[in-house]
N, C-alpha and C. Protein backbone atom coordinates (compact mmCIF):
# COMPACT_ATOMS: atom_id res chain seq x y z
N MET A 1 -18.03 2.38 -5.72
CA MET A 1 -16.31 2.36 -5.28
C MET A 1 -15.63 1.18 -4.95
N THR A 2 -14.19 1.70 -5.77
CA THR A 2 -13.40 0.21 -5.97
C THR A 2 -12.71 0.49 -3.86
N TYR A 3 -12.65 -0.42 -3.73
CA TYR A 3 -11.56 -0.90 -2.73
C TYR A 3 -10.42 -2.03 -3.01
N TYR A 4 -9.39 -1.80 -2.18
CA TYR A 4 -8.16 -2.52 -2.21
C TYR A 4 -7.77 -3.03 -1.13
N THR A 5 -7.54 -4.27 -0.77
CA THR A 5 -7.36 -4.61 0.55
C THR A 5 -5.90 -5.02 0.70
N LYS A 6 -5.08 -5.56 1.63
CA LYS A 6 -3.57 -5.28 1.97
C LYS A 6 -2.92 -6.52 0.99
N LYS A 7 -4.06 -7.55 0.90
CA LYS A 7 -3.35 -8.96 -0.05
C LYS A 7 -3.61 -8.03 -1.54
N ASP A 8 -4.43 -6.96 -1.74
CA ASP A 8 -4.23 -6.52 -3.55
C ASP A 8 -3.07 -5.96 -3.49
N LEU A 9 -2.99 -4.79 -2.86
CA LEU A 9 -1.57 -4.31 -2.44
C LEU A 9 -0.50 -4.92 -2.52
N ALA A 10 -0.27 -6.48 -1.83
CA ALA A 10 1.19 -6.69 -2.28
C ALA A 10 1.15 -7.85 -3.64
N GLN A 11 -0.21 -8.22 -3.89
CA GLN A 11 0.28 -8.48 -5.05
C GLN A 11 0.26 -7.77 -6.15
N LYS A 12 -0.45 -6.37 -6.72
CA LYS A 12 -0.47 -5.52 -7.52
C LYS A 12 1.25 -5.15 -7.59
N PHE A 13 1.44 -4.82 -6.46
CA PHE A 13 2.81 -4.20 -6.42
C PHE A 13 3.95 -5.01 -6.24
N LYS A 14 3.79 -6.46 -6.18
CA LYS A 14 4.60 -7.40 -6.08
C LYS A 14 5.99 -7.27 -4.71
N ILE A 15 4.92 -7.11 -3.15
CA ILE A 15 5.77 -7.10 -2.65
C ILE A 15 5.24 -7.98 -0.98
N ALA A 16 6.09 -8.08 -0.46
CA ALA A 16 5.36 -9.06 0.37
C ALA A 16 4.40 -8.37 1.97
N ASP A 17 4.09 -9.06 2.36
CA ASP A 17 3.13 -8.19 3.33
C ASP A 17 3.28 -7.67 4.46
N THR A 18 4.79 -8.08 4.41
CA THR A 18 5.61 -6.96 6.16
C THR A 18 5.85 -5.70 5.08
N THR A 19 6.29 -5.90 4.12
CA THR A 19 6.45 -4.52 3.21
C THR A 19 5.23 -3.74 2.88
N VAL A 20 4.17 -4.40 2.93
CA VAL A 20 2.93 -3.74 2.64
C VAL A 20 2.68 -2.80 3.91
N TYR A 21 2.66 -3.62 5.30
CA TYR A 21 2.45 -2.87 6.37
C TYR A 21 3.29 -1.44 6.75
N ARG A 22 4.65 -1.90 6.64
CA ARG A 22 5.87 -0.51 6.75
C ARG A 22 5.34 0.51 5.64
N THR A 23 5.19 0.13 4.52
CA THR A 23 4.87 1.51 3.09
C THR A 23 2.93 2.21 4.06
N LEU A 24 2.56 1.02 4.63
CA LEU A 24 0.90 1.81 5.15
C LEU A 24 1.47 3.05 6.19
N LYS A 25 2.00 2.37 7.07
CA LYS A 25 2.52 3.16 8.10
C LYS A 25 3.30 4.27 7.77
N ALA A 26 4.39 4.62 6.46
CA ALA A 26 5.16 5.40 5.46
C ALA A 26 4.29 6.68 4.95
N CYS A 27 3.36 5.72 4.40
CA CYS A 27 2.10 7.06 3.97
C CYS A 27 1.34 7.47 5.14
N ASP A 28 1.02 7.28 6.35
CA ASP A 28 0.46 7.69 7.77
C ASP A 28 -1.42 7.25 7.27
N LEU A 29 -1.00 5.65 6.58
CA LEU A 29 -2.68 5.04 6.64
C LEU A 29 -2.68 4.11 7.83
N SER A 30 -3.87 3.81 7.94
CA SER A 30 -3.79 2.86 9.04
C SER A 30 -3.21 1.41 8.91
N THR A 31 -2.99 0.80 9.48
CA THR A 31 -2.53 -0.96 9.05
C THR A 31 -3.90 -1.60 9.76
N ALA A 32 -4.84 -0.83 10.45
CA ALA A 32 -5.96 -2.15 10.93
C ALA A 32 -6.89 -1.99 10.01
N ARG A 33 -7.16 -0.75 9.32
CA ARG A 33 -7.90 -1.16 8.50
C ARG A 33 -8.04 -2.19 7.24
N ARG A 34 -9.10 -2.72 6.78
CA ARG A 34 -9.04 -3.67 5.90
C ARG A 34 -8.79 -3.63 4.49
N LYS A 35 -10.04 -2.08 4.24
CA LYS A 35 -9.87 -1.84 3.01
C LYS A 35 -9.25 -0.49 2.33
N TYR A 36 -8.73 0.07 1.68
CA TYR A 36 -8.26 1.48 1.06
C TYR A 36 -8.81 2.05 -0.13
N THR A 37 -8.71 3.37 -0.33
CA THR A 37 -9.74 3.64 -1.73
C THR A 37 -8.67 3.45 -2.87
N VAL A 38 -9.19 4.12 -3.76
CA VAL A 38 -8.39 4.32 -4.71
C VAL A 38 -7.18 5.11 -4.95
N GLU A 39 -7.62 6.30 -4.14
CA GLU A 39 -6.61 7.64 -3.62
C GLU A 39 -5.18 7.16 -2.99
N GLU A 40 -6.08 6.43 -1.88
CA GLU A 40 -4.72 5.54 -0.75
C GLU A 40 -4.08 4.87 -1.53
N MET A 41 -4.55 3.82 -2.49
CA MET A 41 -3.68 2.92 -3.24
C MET A 41 -3.04 3.58 -4.20
N THR A 42 -3.19 4.79 -4.53
CA THR A 42 -2.26 6.03 -5.64
C THR A 42 -1.28 6.43 -4.68
N ILE A 43 -1.59 7.19 -3.44
CA ILE A 43 -0.32 7.13 -2.70
C ILE A 43 0.74 6.20 -2.21
N PHE A 44 -0.26 4.87 -1.79
CA PHE A 44 0.39 3.92 -1.83
C PHE A 44 1.51 3.36 -2.93
N GLY A 45 1.40 3.62 -3.88
CA GLY A 45 2.27 3.24 -5.23
C GLY A 45 3.49 4.31 -5.59
N MET A 46 2.87 5.15 -5.28
CA MET A 46 4.41 6.26 -5.31
C MET A 46 5.33 6.21 -3.81
N MET A 47 4.51 5.46 -2.86
CA MET A 47 6.03 5.46 -1.63
C MET A 47 6.38 3.87 -2.11
N VAL A 48 6.02 2.97 -2.94
CA VAL A 48 6.77 1.93 -3.45
C VAL A 48 7.66 2.30 -4.37
N GLU A 49 7.23 3.19 -5.55
CA GLU A 49 8.33 3.42 -6.24
C GLU A 49 9.49 4.28 -5.75
N ARG A 50 9.28 4.61 -4.57
CA ARG A 50 9.94 5.96 -4.32
C ARG A 50 11.24 5.20 -3.57
N ARG A 51 10.78 3.90 -2.87
CA ARG A 51 11.46 3.56 -1.92
C ARG A 51 12.47 2.28 -2.67
N ARG A 52 11.71 1.70 -3.79
CA ARG A 52 12.43 0.88 -4.93
C ARG A 52 13.52 1.66 -5.39
N LYS A 53 13.61 3.41 -5.90
CA LYS A 53 14.97 3.77 -6.38
C LYS A 53 15.26 4.17 -5.20
N GLU A 54 15.37 4.16 -4.01
CA GLU A 54 16.29 3.89 -3.18
C GLU A 54 17.95 3.05 -2.61
């Protein structure tokens, strides 16, 4: 199974660390965790794209 770290998320979506934390919270994902699943990364990515359009 593939996992993604907060650093991976920041690099993949080209966003700052603080934005990663805010987006995780907006997705109701724990900011205390170190790794996230592909499914969680997909949800995270949809939220990033939604926020970019605002």
